[in-house]
Amino acid sequence: MATGSYTTHLKVRELSAHEAISVVGESIGTGNGSATVFYIDNYPIVDANADEVITVADVIVYVDGTPVTVSAIDAAIGKLTLAGAPGSDTAVTADYRYSDVSETAIEDAVLYGESEAESLTGRKYTDANSQTDYFDGHGGTDKTFQLRKFPVQSITNVYIREPGKVSWESQTLATGDGSDDDYWGYITDGDSYIEFVVAPYKGNQNVKIEYTYGYSSVPSEVVDLVSCLAALYIHIVVDAGWSIKSYRLVEQEVAFGEGSPHGTAMRQLKGRINYLLGLVGKWKYVGII
């Protein structure tokens, strides 16, 4: 994908009811032997080949039915520049896709939706994310420290800082009964943890654990969650014209008139978002407006 890691522009368009419309064989002018610039009737031009970026590959122009090279496009105003001027009295036509929401706006929605999903759940869903957790040592029999992100893929390093020192002492993974080593590492889907052979010294943030977590492929419920958040962004920013300056989509309150399709759509999206957060695991509740 061109932008984002969790969902597609196509899915967000479908959820926000801003699907692209295909145009085939539109007449955009007649050649005169010198003109290379032509304009289409509908714009902005949007992605036609599923790579989520706008390039000359997203428009096909024909001169008397034969494809010709498009050298540049201005998607926002529907301007097409051809590599060569069509001959006099030749028919110039174009195939393309357009929408009332630009590809840039969809891109913004996807990125906002991803950031909001990570904020709501407190973790990333990409692969091999590096994480460092700090804990207070309590001494005594307190030997176990649960890692804060999941699913854990590997434990990279474990350190303890002795009282009165600033340097960290690297700990060794136990391979047998632990009598000659420092800790065991237990990795499960939701409650991975470190268990020390001897409890760390009592101290403030004197236990440091470095590890990686994430997913080799994004879970389907996360794809749906991000897609719904991105669609909600479109309703708020594009349809309602509100401005979001931080990743707090779900706390925006927008008033629509009675029976407004945007208000209904937003309530449905927020209900779906809360359901998906229940599956994924959440830090916050998304209120229904």
Protein backbone atom coordinates (compact mmCIF):
# COMPACT_ATOMS: atom_id res chain seq x y z
CA MET A 1 0.00 0.00 0.00
CA ALA A 2 1.07 3.53 -0.58
CA THR A 3 0.18 4.74 2.90
CA GLY A 4 -0.69 3.06 6.15
CA SER A 5 -0.26 -0.53 7.22
CA TYR A 6 -3.65 -1.64 8.50
CA THR A 7 -6.33 -1.03 5.88
CA THR A 8 -6.91 0.02 2.28
CA HIS A 9 -8.26 3.18 0.66
CA LEU A 10 -10.92 1.07 -1.08
CA LYS A 11 -12.29 -0.26 2.22
CA VAL A 12 -12.44 3.24 3.73
CA ARG A 13 -14.25 4.57 0.65
CA GLU A 14 -16.84 1.81 0.93
CA LEU A 15 -17.44 2.38 4.66
CA SER A 16 -17.71 6.16 4.28
CA ALA A 17 -19.94 5.93 1.16
CA HIS A 18 -17.46 7.79 -1.04
CA GLU A 19 -16.71 5.09 -3.60
CA ALA A 20 -14.91 5.98 -6.80
CA ILE A 21 -16.94 6.25 -10.01
CA SER A 22 -15.58 4.86 -13.26
CA VAL A 23 -15.80 6.84 -16.49
CA VAL A 24 -15.10 5.11 -19.81
CA GLY A 25 -14.68 6.79 -23.18
CA GLU A 26 -15.43 10.38 -22.15
CA SER A 27 -14.88 12.85 -24.97
CA ILE A 28 -12.34 15.43 -23.75
CA GLY A 29 -11.73 17.31 -26.99
CA THR A 30 -10.61 17.26 -30.59
CA GLY A 31 -6.97 17.37 -31.66
CA ASN A 32 -5.65 20.40 -33.55
CA GLY A 33 -2.06 19.35 -34.07
CA SER A 34 -0.63 21.59 -31.32
CA ALA A 35 -2.66 21.28 -28.10
CA THR A 36 -1.38 18.79 -25.50
CA VAL A 37 -3.50 19.84 -22.51
CA PHE A 38 -7.04 18.53 -22.05
CA TYR A 39 -9.54 18.58 -19.16
CA ILE A 40 -11.92 15.88 -18.01
CA ASP A 41 -15.45 16.67 -16.82
CA ASN A 42 -15.27 15.04 -13.37
CA TYR A 43 -12.64 15.42 -10.68
CA PRO A 44 -10.71 14.92 -8.46
CA ILE A 45 -9.15 11.98 -10.23
CA VAL A 46 -8.63 9.05 -7.87
CA ASP A 47 -6.74 5.78 -7.86
CA ALA A 48 -7.68 3.35 -10.63
CA ASN A 49 -5.04 0.62 -10.27
CA ALA A 50 -5.19 -0.07 -6.50
CA ASP A 51 -1.71 1.27 -5.67
CA GLU A 52 -3.28 4.12 -3.66
CA VAL A 53 -1.25 6.88 -5.33
CA ILE A 54 -2.24 9.11 -8.23
CA THR A 55 0.01 8.84 -11.28
CA VAL A 56 -0.37 8.98 -15.05
CA ALA A 57 -1.12 5.25 -14.88
CA ASP A 58 -4.55 6.07 -13.42
CA VAL A 59 -5.78 7.68 -16.64
CA ILE A 60 -5.91 6.23 -20.15
CA VAL A 61 -6.25 8.67 -23.04
CA TYR A 62 -7.09 7.59 -26.60
CA VAL A 63 -6.67 9.44 -29.88
CA ASP A 64 -9.05 8.01 -32.45
CA GLY A 65 -9.28 4.88 -30.25
CA THR A 66 -5.54 4.34 -29.89
CA PRO A 67 -3.94 4.74 -26.42
CA VAL A 68 -1.40 7.57 -26.19
CA THR A 69 1.12 8.57 -23.53
CA VAL A 70 -0.04 10.83 -20.70
CA SER A 71 2.97 12.77 -19.40
CA ALA A 72 1.33 14.53 -16.42
CA ILE A 73 -1.96 14.90 -14.57
CA ASP A 74 -3.33 17.39 -12.07
CA ALA A 75 -5.81 15.23 -10.18
CA ALA A 76 -7.41 18.11 -8.26
CA ILE A 77 -8.63 19.96 -11.37
CA GLY A 78 -8.83 17.12 -13.90
CA LYS A 79 -6.02 18.41 -16.09
CA LEU A 80 -4.29 15.96 -18.44
CA THR A 81 -1.09 16.68 -20.34
CA LEU A 82 -0.20 14.43 -23.26
CA ALA A 83 3.33 13.64 -24.41
CA GLY A 84 2.44 14.65 -27.95
CA ALA A 85 -0.24 16.75 -29.61
CA PRO A 86 -3.08 14.78 -31.25
CA GLY A 87 -3.44 15.45 -34.95
CA SER A 88 -6.06 17.79 -36.37
CA ASP A 89 -9.68 16.64 -36.20
CA THR A 90 -8.83 13.54 -34.14
CA ALA A 91 -11.16 12.41 -31.34
CA VAL A 92 -9.59 12.51 -27.88
CA THR A 93 -11.24 10.39 -25.16
CA ALA A 94 -10.31 9.26 -21.65
CA ASP A 95 -10.96 6.48 -19.13
CA TYR A 96 -10.54 7.36 -15.45
CA ARG A 97 -12.04 7.20 -11.96
CA TYR A 98 -13.18 10.10 -9.81
CA SER A 99 -14.82 10.77 -6.46
CA ASP A 100 -16.08 13.65 -4.35
CA VAL A 101 -13.32 12.78 -1.85
CA SER A 102 -9.72 12.99 -3.05
CA GLU A 103 -7.13 10.26 -2.61
CA THR A 104 -5.20 12.64 -0.34
CA ALA A 105 -8.19 12.96 1.99
CA ILE A 106 -8.54 9.18 2.13
CA GLU A 107 -4.82 8.90 2.88
CA ASP A 108 -5.19 11.37 5.76
CA ALA A 109 -8.16 9.39 7.08
CA VAL A 110 -6.21 6.13 7.04
CA LEU A 111 -3.26 7.63 8.91
CA TYR A 112 -5.55 9.25 11.50
CA GLY A 113 -7.47 6.00 11.91
CA GLU A 114 -4.28 4.02 12.49
CA SER A 115 -2.96 6.47 15.06
CA GLU A 116 -6.32 6.53 16.82
CA ALA A 117 -6.47 2.72 16.96
CA GLU A 118 -2.99 2.59 18.47
CA SER A 119 -3.94 5.27 20.99
CA LEU A 120 -7.17 3.53 21.99
CA THR A 121 -5.56 0.12 22.45
CA GLY A 122 -2.08 1.14 23.60
CA ARG A 123 -0.10 -0.91 21.09
CA LYS A 124 0.93 -1.34 17.46
CA TYR A 125 -0.18 -4.11 15.13
CA THR A 126 2.78 -4.14 12.75
CA ASP A 127 5.62 -6.66 12.94
CA ALA A 128 8.66 -6.63 15.27
CA ASN A 129 8.02 -3.44 17.24
CA SER A 130 10.77 -2.65 19.75
CA GLN A 131 9.62 -2.00 23.32
CA THR A 132 11.38 -1.24 26.61
CA ASP A 133 9.57 -1.65 29.94
CA TYR A 134 10.87 -0.30 33.25
CA PHE A 135 9.76 -1.71 36.60
CA ASP A 136 10.38 -1.08 40.28
CA GLY A 137 12.22 -3.88 42.07
CA HIS A 138 10.59 -4.85 45.38
CA GLY A 139 13.07 -7.36 46.73
CA GLY A 140 11.85 -10.21 48.91
CA THR A 141 9.92 -12.81 46.95
CA ASP A 142 8.66 -10.52 44.16
CA LYS A 143 10.36 -12.17 41.17
CA THR A 144 7.80 -11.84 38.35
CA PHE A 145 7.36 -8.89 35.96
CA GLN A 146 4.65 -8.97 33.29
CA LEU A 147 5.47 -7.31 29.96
CA ARG A 148 3.15 -4.49 28.96
CA LYS A 149 2.77 -5.04 25.20
CA PHE A 150 1.60 -8.16 23.40
CA PRO A 151 1.89 -10.49 21.64
CA VAL A 152 5.59 -10.73 22.56
CA GLN A 153 7.80 -12.16 19.83
CA SER A 154 11.17 -12.23 21.57
CA ILE A 155 12.89 -11.01 24.72
CA THR A 156 15.99 -9.12 23.67
CA ASN A 157 17.72 -7.99 26.88
CA VAL A 158 17.06 -7.93 30.61
CA TYR A 159 18.91 -5.60 32.98
CA ILE A 160 19.04 -4.78 36.69
CA ARG A 161 20.53 -1.65 38.22
CA GLU A 162 22.04 -2.15 41.64
CA PRO A 163 21.33 0.33 44.44
CA GLY A 164 23.50 3.43 44.27
CA LYS A 165 24.72 2.69 40.71
CA VAL A 166 23.87 4.26 37.35
CA SER A 167 25.05 1.40 35.13
CA TRP A 168 22.87 -1.55 34.14
CA GLU A 169 23.90 -5.16 34.74
CA SER A 170 22.89 -7.54 31.95
CA GLN A 171 21.02 -10.67 33.04
CA THR A 172 21.39 -14.17 31.61
CA LEU A 173 18.49 -16.32 30.39
CA ALA A 174 18.10 -19.50 32.44
CA THR A 175 18.29 -22.69 30.38
CA GLY A 176 17.95 -25.29 33.11
CA ASP A 177 16.92 -25.02 36.73
CA GLY A 178 18.22 -21.46 36.86
CA SER A 179 20.78 -22.10 39.57
CA ASP A 180 23.59 -20.60 37.49
CA ASP A 181 21.50 -18.05 35.57
CA ASP A 182 19.39 -14.96 36.26
CA TYR A 183 15.87 -15.29 34.81
CA TRP A 184 13.38 -17.31 32.82
CA GLY A 185 11.35 -15.82 30.00
CA TYR A 186 7.77 -16.95 29.43
CA ILE A 187 6.13 -15.88 26.17
CA THR A 188 2.38 -16.34 25.63
CA ASP A 189 -0.25 -14.45 23.61
CA GLY A 190 -1.43 -12.10 26.33
CA ASP A 191 0.58 -12.38 29.53
CA SER A 192 4.27 -12.79 28.70
CA TYR A 193 6.50 -12.26 31.70
CA ILE A 194 9.98 -12.49 33.20
CA GLU A 195 10.64 -14.55 36.33
CA PHE A 196 13.94 -13.94 38.07
CA VAL A 197 15.81 -16.68 39.92
CA VAL A 198 16.53 -14.16 42.68
CA ALA A 199 14.23 -11.18 43.22
CA PRO A 200 15.75 -7.89 41.96
CA TYR A 201 16.92 -5.32 44.49
CA LYS A 202 14.32 -2.96 45.84
CA GLY A 203 14.55 0.25 43.82
CA ASN A 204 12.85 2.80 41.58
CA GLN A 205 12.69 1.78 37.87
CA ASN A 206 15.72 -0.46 38.38
CA VAL A 207 14.52 -3.36 36.20
CA LYS A 208 14.70 -2.89 32.43
CA ILE A 209 13.34 -5.37 29.88
CA GLU A 210 13.81 -4.93 26.13
CA TYR A 211 11.71 -7.03 23.75
CA THR A 212 9.85 -7.08 20.44
CA TYR A 213 6.13 -7.53 19.93
CA GLY A 214 3.69 -7.42 17.04
CA TYR A 215 1.99 -9.42 14.31
CA SER A 216 3.30 -10.97 11.12
CA SER A 217 -0.07 -10.04 9.57
CA VAL A 218 -2.59 -7.50 10.82
CA PRO A 219 -5.55 -9.19 12.61
CA SER A 220 -8.84 -8.85 10.72
CA GLU A 221 -10.57 -7.10 13.62
CA VAL A 222 -7.82 -4.45 13.62
CA VAL A 223 -8.28 -3.93 9.87
CA ASP A 224 -12.00 -3.38 10.53
CA LEU A 225 -11.32 -1.10 13.52
CA VAL A 226 -8.95 1.17 11.58
CA SER A 227 -11.31 1.22 8.60
CA CYS A 228 -14.22 2.35 10.79
CA LEU A 229 -12.10 5.02 12.49
CA ALA A 230 -10.92 6.29 9.11
CA ALA A 231 -14.51 6.38 7.81
CA LEU A 232 -15.51 8.31 10.95
CA TYR A 233 -12.75 10.80 10.16
CA ILE A 234 -14.19 11.30 6.67
CA HIS A 235 -17.65 12.00 8.08
CA ILE A 236 -16.28 14.53 10.59
CA VAL A 237 -13.65 16.31 8.51
CA VAL A 238 -14.98 16.03 4.95
CA ASP A 239 -18.75 15.72 5.31
CA ALA A 240 -19.16 17.97 8.35
CA GLY A 241 -16.19 20.24 7.63
CA TRP A 242 -14.74 20.01 11.13
CA SER A 243 -11.01 20.15 11.81
CA ILE A 244 -9.16 17.52 13.80
CA LYS A 245 -5.78 18.68 15.06
CA SER A 246 -4.87 15.67 17.19
CA TYR A 247 -5.54 11.94 17.27
CA ARG A 248 -8.77 12.12 19.25
CA LEU A 249 -11.38 11.29 16.62
CA VAL A 250 -13.74 9.52 18.95
CA GLU A 251 -14.13 12.50 21.29
CA GLN A 252 -15.34 14.84 18.55
CA GLU A 253 -18.98 15.83 18.94
CA VAL A 254 -20.77 16.85 15.73
CA ALA A 255 -24.40 17.98 15.58
CA PHE A 256 -26.44 17.00 12.50
CA GLY A 257 -30.03 17.78 11.66
CA GLU A 258 -32.81 15.31 12.35
CA GLY A 259 -32.59 12.38 9.99
CA SER A 260 -29.17 13.37 8.65
CA PRO A 261 -27.45 10.38 6.99
CA HIS A 262 -24.11 11.56 8.43
CA GLY A 263 -25.38 11.46 12.01
CA THR A 264 -26.84 8.00 11.50
CA ALA A 265 -23.69 6.74 9.82
CA MET A 266 -21.49 8.12 12.60
CA ARG A 267 -23.56 6.47 15.33
CA GLN A 268 -23.37 3.16 13.49
CA LEU A 269 -19.61 3.49 13.06
CA LYS A 270 -19.07 4.32 16.73
CA GLY A 271 -21.13 1.32 17.77
CA ARG A 272 -19.04 -0.90 15.52
CA ILE A 273 -15.82 0.68 16.83
CA ASN A 274 -16.75 -0.12 20.44
CA TYR A 275 -17.60 -3.70 19.50
CA LEU A 276 -14.24 -4.13 17.74
CA LEU A 277 -12.38 -2.54 20.66
CA GLY A 278 -13.96 -5.17 22.88
CA LEU A 279 -12.39 -7.84 20.66
CA VAL A 280 -9.01 -6.19 20.33
CA GLY A 281 -8.64 -4.83 23.87
CA LYS A 282 -9.07 -1.17 24.70
CA TRP A 283 -7.98 1.60 27.01
CA LYS A 284 -10.89 3.94 26.36
CA TYR A 285 -14.62 3.88 25.63
CA VAL A 286 -15.95 5.56 22.51
CA GLY A 287 -19.09 7.57 23.29
CA ILE A 288 -22.11 7.50 21.02
CA ILE A 289 -23.32 10.91 19.86
